[in-house]
Structure formats: C-alpha cells, structure tokens
Amino acid sequence: MSKNIPNVYGEKKKSFVSVKYDKTDGRNELSVNIPKDQFASELKRLTCTESDDLAEEIIGSAIATMPSQSNTERNINSVLHVLSDFEPQDSIEAKLCLQAHSLYSQGMEYLGRASTANNPTSSQMFMNFALKLLRLNNETVEALSKYRRNGEQKVTIQHVNVEHGAQCIVGNVQTGGGV
C-alpha cells in the first residue's frame, strides 16, 4: 500500500508506514518501511524533540485530528510528510506545522460537506465551520512565519514619489566623522 510521494525537491520519497487490514480479526496492523530502531529516532528528528514519548504525543495528536479516521495509512503519512516538508527547527515549529495542517484538513472536509449537503441550513452550517477553521489555519501559518523570523518584520517599499526640489535617500546611510 505504500506510495511514492513527490517532495518539494522533485525526487520521490517513500512512505514511512503502511497499514494492512487483517480480515480474520478485523484489526489494522501498522508496519514501518524503515527499521523499527530507526523509526523512533526519525520521529524525534521530525518533531525536533529528545523524548520518544513527546514525539509520539505530537504526531499522535495530529493524526487524531485528521478528518478521515478510516484511512490510517494516509493520515500517518500525511502528518509525517508535513513535518518532513516543513522542516521545523524545534518542537514549537513542529506543533505549529501540524496544527496548520490539521486545521486545513478539517476546513477542507467541511467545505466538501457544504457542497454536498441536502439542505441550505446544513450547507450554511458546514460553510461557517469551514471558514472558521480555514481562518484559524491562516492565523497559524502567520504565527509560524512570525516565529520563524523571530518577530521581525520586513517592509518592502514598492513606490517612492519625490517631488521637484525635495531630497530623498533610500538605503543605509552612514555619516562620516567631521574634522
């Protein structure tokens, strides 16, 4: 069931996990496509933590919020690939990345429900849920961006208009010592 998923650099990444359904007892069995002793260290690397328990809690919480609980393999791979693609630098960034991903996934789920609702009241309710979740997603992405740049803001001036007789200096200005 493993799929190759393209990453931002164009090469193919192998899925981390696969889930097999056992028809005899109706249980899902999780198998990992990397050696099990490396899996725990990979989870810690992706979540930027030193603790196995914290790494599992961060990833488990994100998986639990995914809208489609029936496709465990897809949810696990989705969460792990978000961390892999976003390359968080610490556990706070990892949590923000997964929070944004969860909000986006749930918001899109509600948009889908709004488009297939049987009556206008249900459609409006799902649309409102979607808008709130996607707005929170945007705020989370902005918080992540702000956290990554240490709260510094960059202002880019697109247009400067200097009238006749006025003086304007653009750029860093250093004054020399006077003699």
Protein backbone atom coordinates (compact mmCIF):
# COMPACT_ATOMS: atom_id res chain seq x y z
CA MET A 1 0.00 0.00 0.00
CA SER A 2 2.97 2.32 0.20
CA LYS A 3 3.09 5.08 -2.34
CA ASN A 4 5.87 7.27 -3.53
CA ILE A 5 5.06 10.86 -2.70
CA PRO A 6 6.92 13.66 -4.52
CA ASN A 7 8.51 16.24 -2.26
CA VAL A 8 9.32 19.86 -2.94
CA TYR A 9 12.69 18.98 -4.47
CA GLY A 10 11.20 16.74 -7.15
CA GLU A 11 12.62 13.41 -6.00
CA LYS A 12 10.35 10.67 -4.73
CA LYS A 13 10.01 9.93 -1.02
CA LYS A 14 8.94 6.51 0.15
CA SER A 15 6.03 6.35 2.55
CA PHE A 16 7.13 5.86 6.13
CA VAL A 17 4.39 3.43 7.04
CA SER A 18 1.79 1.15 5.64
CA VAL A 19 -1.35 -0.25 7.19
CA LYS A 20 -2.60 -3.71 6.44
CA TYR A 21 -6.13 -4.78 7.23
CA ASP A 22 -6.42 -8.26 8.71
CA LYS A 23 -9.70 -9.81 7.56
CA THR A 24 -9.64 -12.59 10.17
CA ASP A 25 -9.89 -10.37 13.23
CA GLY A 26 -10.79 -7.02 11.64
CA ARG A 27 -7.76 -5.18 13.04
CA ASN A 28 -5.34 -2.86 11.31
CA GLU A 29 -1.66 -3.74 11.51
CA LEU A 30 0.88 -0.97 11.24
CA SER A 31 4.15 -1.75 9.51
CA VAL A 32 7.05 0.63 9.12
CA ASN A 33 9.13 0.86 5.95
CA ILE A 34 12.32 1.71 7.81
CA PRO A 35 13.98 -0.36 10.54
CA LYS A 36 11.98 -0.08 13.77
CA ASP A 37 15.01 1.06 15.77
CA GLN A 38 15.41 3.97 13.32
CA PHE A 39 11.70 4.83 13.38
CA ALA A 40 11.76 6.28 16.92
CA SER A 41 14.80 8.42 16.11
CA GLU A 42 13.11 9.55 12.86
CA LEU A 43 10.03 10.66 14.82
CA LYS A 44 12.24 12.59 17.25
CA ARG A 45 14.11 14.18 14.34
CA LEU A 46 10.89 15.23 12.60
CA THR A 47 9.41 16.73 15.78
CA CYS A 48 12.73 18.19 16.98
CA THR A 49 12.43 16.58 20.40
CA GLU A 50 14.69 14.41 22.54
CA SER A 51 11.84 12.37 24.01
CA ASP A 52 10.23 9.35 22.36
CA ASP A 53 7.04 9.99 24.34
CA LEU A 54 6.78 13.66 23.33
CA ALA A 55 7.44 12.83 19.67
CA GLU A 56 4.71 10.19 19.72
CA GLU A 57 2.31 12.55 21.51
CA ILE A 58 2.85 15.36 18.97
CA ILE A 59 2.38 13.04 15.99
CA GLY A 60 -0.44 11.04 17.59
CA SER A 61 -2.38 14.20 18.41
CA ALA A 62 -2.09 15.41 14.83
CA ILE A 63 -3.19 12.03 13.42
CA ALA A 64 -6.21 12.00 15.75
CA THR A 65 -7.44 15.32 14.32
CA MET A 66 -7.42 14.19 10.71
CA PRO A 67 -10.92 14.13 9.19
CA SER A 68 -10.75 10.67 7.65
CA GLN A 69 -10.20 8.25 10.51
CA SER A 70 -10.82 5.30 8.20
CA ASN A 71 -7.62 5.79 6.19
CA THR A 72 -4.95 5.43 8.86
CA GLU A 73 -2.05 4.96 6.44
CA ARG A 74 -2.90 8.15 4.56
CA ASN A 75 -3.27 10.14 7.79
CA ILE A 76 0.03 8.92 9.25
CA ASN A 77 1.91 9.54 6.02
CA SER A 78 0.29 12.94 5.62
CA VAL A 79 1.38 14.04 9.10
CA LEU A 80 4.91 12.69 8.67
CA HIS A 81 5.31 14.29 5.24
CA VAL A 82 4.10 17.66 6.52
CA LEU A 83 6.87 17.56 9.10
CA SER A 84 9.37 16.40 6.50
CA ASP A 85 8.42 19.13 4.02
CA PHE A 86 8.15 22.00 6.54
CA GLU A 87 11.48 21.04 8.19
CA PRO A 88 10.70 22.50 11.63
CA GLN A 89 13.70 23.74 13.62
CA ASP A 90 12.22 22.99 17.07
CA SER A 91 9.21 21.34 18.67
CA ILE A 92 7.17 24.57 18.68
CA GLU A 93 7.54 24.84 14.90
CA ALA A 94 6.62 21.15 14.57
CA LYS A 95 3.45 21.71 16.59
CA LEU A 96 2.51 24.82 14.59
CA CYS A 97 3.08 22.97 11.29
CA LEU A 98 0.84 20.12 12.38
CA GLN A 99 -1.78 22.48 13.80
CA ALA A 100 -1.95 24.33 10.47
CA HIS A 101 -2.19 21.02 8.61
CA SER A 102 -5.00 19.75 10.86
CA LEU A 103 -6.98 22.98 10.58
CA TYR A 104 -6.59 22.97 6.81
CA SER A 105 -7.65 19.31 6.51
CA GLN A 106 -10.71 19.77 8.70
CA GLY A 107 -11.64 23.01 6.94
CA MET A 108 -11.49 21.36 3.53
CA GLU A 109 -13.54 18.44 4.87
CA TYR A 110 -16.29 20.86 5.92
CA LEU A 111 -16.15 22.65 2.55
CA GLY A 112 -16.77 19.28 0.90
CA ARG A 113 -19.68 18.60 3.23
CA ALA A 114 -21.14 22.05 2.49
CA SER A 115 -21.14 21.33 -1.23
CA THR A 116 -22.97 18.02 -0.81
CA ALA A 117 -25.40 18.98 1.99
CA ASN A 118 -29.05 18.13 1.46
CA ASN A 119 -30.49 21.44 2.62
CA PRO A 120 -29.38 25.09 2.72
CA THR A 121 -29.26 25.20 6.54
CA SER A 122 -26.79 22.31 6.72
CA SER A 123 -24.79 23.74 3.86
CA GLN A 124 -24.53 27.12 5.62
CA MET A 125 -23.54 25.45 8.91
CA PHE A 126 -20.74 23.46 7.22
CA MET A 127 -19.61 26.55 5.32
CA ASN A 128 -19.37 28.53 8.58
CA PHE A 129 -17.33 25.75 10.21
CA ALA A 130 -15.03 25.65 7.18
CA LEU A 131 -14.50 29.40 7.15
CA LYS A 132 -13.63 29.48 10.85
CA LEU A 133 -11.19 26.58 10.53
CA LEU A 134 -9.51 27.98 7.42
CA ARG A 135 -9.26 31.42 9.05
CA LEU A 136 -7.56 29.77 12.05
CA ASN A 137 -5.29 27.94 9.60
CA ASN A 138 -4.21 31.28 8.11
CA GLU A 139 -3.56 32.68 11.60
CA THR A 140 -1.50 29.60 12.49
CA VAL A 141 0.57 29.90 9.31
CA GLU A 142 1.14 33.58 10.11
CA ALA A 143 2.17 32.67 13.69
CA LEU A 144 4.59 30.08 12.29
CA SER A 145 6.03 32.62 9.87
CA LYS A 146 6.39 35.22 12.63
CA TYR A 147 8.02 32.64 14.94
CA ARG A 148 10.48 31.65 12.21
CA ARG A 149 11.60 35.22 11.66
CA ASN A 150 11.84 35.91 15.44
CA GLY A 151 9.07 38.51 15.33
CA GLU A 152 10.99 40.77 12.95
CA GLN A 153 9.01 42.41 10.18
CA LYS A 154 10.31 43.22 6.75
CA VAL A 155 8.81 46.17 4.94
CA THR A 156 9.32 46.47 1.19
CA ILE A 157 8.67 49.85 -0.39
CA GLN A 158 7.19 49.39 -3.84
CA HIS A 159 6.93 53.01 -4.96
CA VAL A 160 8.60 56.27 -3.92
CA ASN A 161 7.49 59.59 -5.37
CA VAL A 162 9.89 62.52 -4.90
CA GLU A 163 8.55 65.91 -5.93
CA HIS A 164 10.65 68.68 -7.55
CA GLY A 165 13.04 70.26 -5.08
CA ALA A 166 12.74 67.52 -2.47
CA GLN A 167 15.56 65.29 -1.35
CA CYS A 168 15.32 61.56 -0.84
CA ILE A 169 17.83 58.97 0.31
CA VAL A 170 16.99 55.30 0.05
CA GLY A 171 19.24 52.73 1.67
CA ASN A 172 21.65 52.58 4.58
CA VAL A 173 23.13 55.94 5.45
CA GLN A 174 26.40 56.36 7.28
CA THR A 175 27.74 59.72 8.16
CA GLY A 176 31.47 60.31 8.29
CA GLY A 177 33.17 61.87 11.27
CA GLY A 178 33.62 65.60 10.86
CA VAL A 179 37.01 67.31 11.20
